[in-house]
Protein backbone atom coordinates (compact mmCIF):
# COMPACT_ATOMS: atom_id res chain seq x y z
CA UNK A 1 127.60 48.55 90.66
CA UNK A 2 127.48 45.14 90.82
CA UNK A 3 129.87 44.26 88.41
CA UNK A 4 133.55 42.23 88.22
CA UNK A 5 136.29 44.17 87.95
CA UNK A 6 137.72 44.57 84.25
CA UNK A 7 141.51 43.59 83.78
CA UNK A 8 143.63 44.97 80.99
CA UNK A 9 140.89 44.72 78.63
CA UNK A 10 138.32 47.51 78.78
CA UNK A 11 134.92 46.72 79.02
CA UNK A 12 131.65 48.63 79.41
CA UNK A 13 131.05 50.04 82.75
CA UNK A 14 127.29 49.35 84.08
CA UNK A 15 126.00 48.44 80.98
CA UNK A 16 122.02 48.51 81.36
CA UNK A 17 122.41 51.15 83.85
CA UNK A 18 124.98 53.50 82.70
CA UNK A 19 126.11 52.13 79.45
CA UNK A 20 122.81 52.21 77.89
CA UNK A 21 121.64 52.49 74.18
CA UNK A 22 121.38 55.88 74.46
CA UNK A 23 124.88 58.55 73.90
CA UNK A 24 126.49 58.24 77.31
CA UNK A 25 129.61 59.46 78.51
CA UNK A 26 131.75 61.40 80.47
CA UNK A 27 131.75 59.33 83.94
CA UNK A 28 133.99 60.53 86.94
CA UNK A 29 133.43 59.84 90.90
CA UNK A 30 133.91 61.89 93.70
CA UNK A 31 137.15 62.10 95.38
CA UNK A 32 135.28 60.10 98.32
CA UNK A 33 134.00 57.38 95.96
CA UNK A 34 130.40 57.49 97.61
CA UNK A 35 128.97 59.85 93.84
CA UNK A 36 129.07 58.76 90.70
CA UNK A 37 127.94 61.18 87.58
CA UNK A 38 127.51 60.73 84.28
CA UNK A 39 126.53 62.66 80.79
CA UNK A 40 123.40 61.40 78.63
CA UNK A 41 122.35 62.04 75.90
CA UNK A 42 118.63 60.51 74.62
CA UNK A 43 117.47 59.17 71.53
CA UNK A 44 115.15 61.19 71.59
CA UNK A 45 116.38 64.76 72.31
CA UNK A 46 119.57 66.43 70.91
CA UNK A 47 119.88 67.71 74.51
CA UNK A 48 122.32 66.40 76.68
CA UNK A 49 121.70 65.49 80.48
CA UNK A 50 124.02 64.91 83.65
CA UNK A 51 123.27 62.66 85.72
CA UNK A 52 124.01 61.72 89.29
CA UNK A 53 124.06 58.72 91.45
CA UNK A 54 125.03 58.56 95.28
CA UNK A 55 125.97 55.32 97.24
CA UNK A 56 124.39 55.27 100.17
CA UNK A 57 124.12 52.31 103.06
CA UNK A 58 126.60 50.24 100.06
CA UNK A 59 123.67 50.70 97.43
CA UNK A 60 123.76 53.21 94.13
CA UNK A 61 120.39 55.24 93.34
CA UNK A 62 120.34 58.22 91.09
CA UNK A 63 119.81 61.01 92.78
CA UNK A 64 119.41 64.11 90.42
CA UNK A 65 119.46 64.36 86.32
CA UNK A 66 119.73 68.22 85.43
CA UNK A 67 120.57 69.96 82.01
CA UNK A 68 124.15 69.35 81.34
CA UNK A 69 126.68 72.56 81.26
CA UNK A 70 129.50 71.85 79.79
CA UNK A 71 131.75 68.77 80.02
CA UNK A 72 131.85 68.26 83.81
CA UNK A 73 134.27 67.09 86.27
CA UNK A 74 135.50 67.30 89.94
CA UNK A 75 138.55 69.18 91.25
CA UNK A 76 140.89 66.78 92.91
CA UNK A 77 139.48 68.00 96.83
CA UNK A 78 135.81 67.61 95.34
CA UNK A 79 134.90 70.90 96.41
CA UNK A 80 135.06 72.24 92.65
CA UNK A 81 132.48 71.10 89.95
CA UNK A 82 134.42 72.01 86.12
CA UNK A 83 131.91 72.94 83.89
CA UNK A 84 134.02 74.36 80.71
CA UNK A 85 133.94 77.63 81.24
CA UNK A 86 131.59 77.69 83.98
CA UNK A 87 132.03 75.94 87.55
CA UNK A 88 129.95 75.41 90.60
CA UNK A 89 131.17 75.40 94.63
CA UNK A 90 129.92 72.74 96.93
CA UNK A 91 127.81 74.24 99.66
CA UNK A 92 126.15 72.31 103.03
CA UNK A 93 122.99 72.70 100.81
CA UNK A 94 124.77 70.86 97.71
CA UNK A 95 126.41 73.15 94.63
CA UNK A 96 126.46 76.80 94.45
CA UNK A 97 125.00 78.72 91.60
CA UNK A 98 126.80 78.80 88.47
CA UNK A 99 129.81 80.73 88.27
CA UNK A 100 131.96 82.33 85.59
CA UNK A 101 135.34 81.64 84.61
CA UNK A 102 135.91 84.95 83.49
CA UNK A 103 138.87 86.64 80.69
CA UNK A 104 141.04 85.50 79.45
CA UNK A 105 139.09 81.94 79.63
CA UNK A 106 135.40 83.31 78.22
CA UNK A 107 137.61 84.03 74.81
CA UNK A 108 138.48 80.10 74.56
CA UNK A 109 135.77 77.60 73.32
CA UNK A 110 136.76 74.75 76.23
CA UNK A 111 134.97 71.61 76.27
CA UNK A 112 136.91 70.37 79.66
CA UNK A 113 138.86 71.68 81.90
CA UNK A 114 140.19 70.23 85.05
CA UNK A 115 142.89 70.90 87.95
CA UNK A 116 145.17 69.00 89.80
CA UNK A 117 146.19 69.23 93.39
CA UNK A 118 148.65 72.22 93.29
CA UNK A 119 145.84 74.04 91.40
CA UNK A 120 147.27 73.88 87.47
CA UNK A 121 144.42 74.09 85.19
CA UNK A 122 144.75 71.95 81.98
CA UNK A 123 142.28 72.97 79.07
CA UNK A 124 141.02 72.33 75.44
CA UNK A 125 139.86 73.87 72.71
CA UNK A 126 136.90 73.25 70.23
CA UNK A 127 137.55 75.21 67.08
CA UNK A 128 136.04 74.86 63.16
CA UNK A 129 138.63 73.61 61.64
CA UNK A 130 139.39 70.49 64.77
CA UNK A 131 142.87 71.96 65.25
CA UNK A 132 142.53 73.25 68.71
CA UNK A 133 144.76 73.31 71.59
CA UNK A 134 145.80 71.61 74.76
CA UNK A 135 146.78 74.61 77.01
CA UNK A 136 147.62 74.86 81.22
CA UNK A 137 147.56 77.55 83.55
CA UNK A 138 149.63 77.12 87.20
CA UNK A 139 149.52 78.99 90.30
CA UNK A 140 152.31 81.31 90.75
CA UNK A 141 152.67 82.68 94.27
CA UNK A 142 148.69 82.73 94.72
CA UNK A 143 148.54 84.19 91.37
CA UNK A 144 147.03 82.76 88.22
CA UNK A 145 149.13 83.14 85.36
CA UNK A 146 147.42 82.94 81.63
CA UNK A 147 147.21 79.93 79.48
CA UNK A 148 149.45 78.68 77.58
CA UNK A 149 149.63 75.74 74.91
CA UNK A 150 151.64 73.00 75.22
CA UNK A 151 154.54 71.83 74.03
CA UNK A 152 154.64 70.17 70.13
CA UNK A 153 155.25 66.70 71.77
CA UNK A 154 151.31 67.54 73.06
CA UNK A 155 150.04 69.52 70.49
CA UNK A 156 150.42 67.75 67.47
CA UNK A 157 148.45 66.10 65.10
CA UNK A 158 144.97 67.24 63.93
CA UNK A 159 142.96 66.56 67.16
CA UNK A 160 143.78 67.53 70.75
CA UNK A 161 141.41 67.23 73.36
CA UNK A 162 139.57 66.22 76.56
CA UNK A 163 142.68 66.07 79.16
CA UNK A 164 142.94 64.70 82.15
CA UNK A 165 145.67 65.62 84.59
CA UNK A 166 147.22 63.48 87.64
CA UNK A 167 146.60 64.94 90.64
CA UNK A 168 150.38 64.81 91.03
CA UNK A 169 150.96 66.37 87.87
CA UNK A 170 152.86 63.39 87.07
CA UNK A 171 151.08 61.97 83.47
CA UNK A 172 148.64 63.38 81.44
CA UNK A 173 146.05 61.67 79.07
CA UNK A 174 144.07 62.84 76.84
CA UNK A 175 142.28 62.05 72.76
CA UNK A 176 143.98 63.48 69.42
CA UNK A 177 144.08 62.70 66.12
CA UNK A 178 147.65 61.65 64.42
CA UNK A 179 148.67 60.35 60.79
CA UNK A 180 149.98 56.85 62.44
CA UNK A 181 146.63 56.54 64.97
CA UNK A 182 144.65 53.16 65.21
CA UNK A 183 141.33 54.84 63.86
CA UNK A 184 139.18 57.98 64.84
CA UNK A 185 140.60 59.44 67.84
CA UNK A 186 143.08 57.67 69.93
CA UNK A 187 143.91 58.20 73.42
CA UNK A 188 147.26 59.61 74.71
CA UNK A 189 149.29 60.06 77.61
CA UNK A 190 152.11 61.62 78.40
CA UNK A 191 154.30 61.26 81.18
CA UNK A 192 156.35 64.29 83.63
CA UNK A 193 159.97 64.13 82.85
CA UNK A 194 162.42 64.68 85.94
CA UNK A 195 163.59 68.71 84.09
CA UNK A 196 159.61 68.96 84.73
CA UNK A 197 158.68 69.06 81.16
CA UNK A 198 156.39 66.51 78.94
CA UNK A 199 157.40 63.64 77.27
CA UNK A 200 156.42 62.67 74.30
CA UNK A 201 152.66 61.60 73.09
CA UNK A 202 152.40 57.58 73.56
CA UNK A 203 149.27 55.99 72.12
CA UNK A 204 147.66 53.65 74.57
CA UNK A 205 147.66 50.83 71.61
CA UNK A 206 144.95 48.26 70.91
CA UNK A 207 144.41 47.18 74.01
CA UNK A 208 142.14 50.75 75.16
CA UNK A 209 141.96 52.65 71.15
CA UNK A 210 139.37 50.91 68.47
CA UNK A 211 138.70 52.15 65.22
CA UNK A 212 135.79 54.15 66.96
CA UNK A 213 136.31 57.45 68.97
CA UNK A 214 138.36 56.27 72.03
CA UNK A 215 138.12 60.08 74.14
CA UNK A 216 137.38 61.65 77.95
CA UNK A 217 139.40 59.73 79.85
CA UNK A 218 139.22 60.15 83.58
CA UNK A 219 141.03 58.20 85.80
CA UNK A 220 139.01 56.96 89.32
CA UNK A 221 140.49 59.46 92.39
CA UNK A 222 141.97 55.84 93.70
CA UNK A 223 143.83 55.11 91.49
CA UNK A 224 142.23 51.97 90.23
CA UNK A 225 140.75 52.23 86.69
CA UNK A 226 140.68 54.00 83.93
CA UNK A 227 137.24 55.66 82.55
CA UNK A 228 136.91 56.36 79.11
CA UNK A 229 134.19 57.32 75.98
CA UNK A 230 133.45 55.47 72.72
CA UNK A 231 131.86 56.95 70.37
CA UNK A 232 131.07 54.77 67.23
CA UNK A 233 129.84 55.85 63.51
CA UNK A 234 126.71 54.80 64.33
CA UNK A 235 126.23 57.84 66.44
CA UNK A 236 125.81 55.16 69.52
CA UNK A 237 128.35 56.02 73.04
CA UNK A 238 128.87 54.20 76.00
CA UNK A 239 131.41 54.58 78.92
CA UNK A 240 134.17 52.00 79.50
CA UNK A 241 136.37 51.23 82.36
CA UNK A 242 139.79 49.29 82.35
CA UNK A 243 142.06 48.26 85.25
CA UNK A 244 144.87 51.27 85.33
CA UNK A 245 147.88 49.20 85.16
CA UNK A 246 147.57 50.08 81.23
CA UNK A 247 148.85 53.56 83.14
CA UNK A 248 151.59 51.55 84.60
CA UNK A 249 152.91 49.24 81.62
CA UNK A 250 153.20 52.91 79.75
CA UNK A 251 155.47 54.38 82.47
CA UNK A 252 159.11 54.95 81.04
CA UNK A 253 161.46 53.12 83.91
């Protein structure tokens, strides 16, 4: 969108177009990078909207604006748009009608659910007490397993939410509150261990996290950039992006 790409210091994404004076959140691309979606809550309304841009002949143009359902995100193959406990599938005409995941997901207050290339779901849980757990659900012999909580290295502290799992499941990013955090929500990352488990949660540090709520991370399908939301105490929020080198800098040797 005519921008200078960022280095390892986060910058606002498309200021004045995507990141505006309204509350702009949850930016994500289609796998072919030809579609970009994000959510916006206009200052004059409490309602959220899902806004879509499409790239045509090298130019981006706004193509849709609909009421938001859940925290939308694409599956790695682009055929499914996850919407919390619900989803849509891509059709020749666009998108299917809204579908429900059904039990046991209908009993969980899911904000974000997303999938890996292996079909694993990762999901969060919004609770009134702010102590929801991150869960995962694997496909085993073609059958989806019930979601189970991650271990204590992931589900620690007061709050854990908005998980992103790498398509190859080599790492997971989410946001949470910890006693030794840098402010409100901090972005955390865990890398997959050789034994198949998950390593300890690593705070992404002052290069990314601030006193504001840094949350809702997504890595672009080409693996080059980390997108996330920054929500301030004045009620405003913007979408930021940063070079994915900030992930590699934390990867254990």
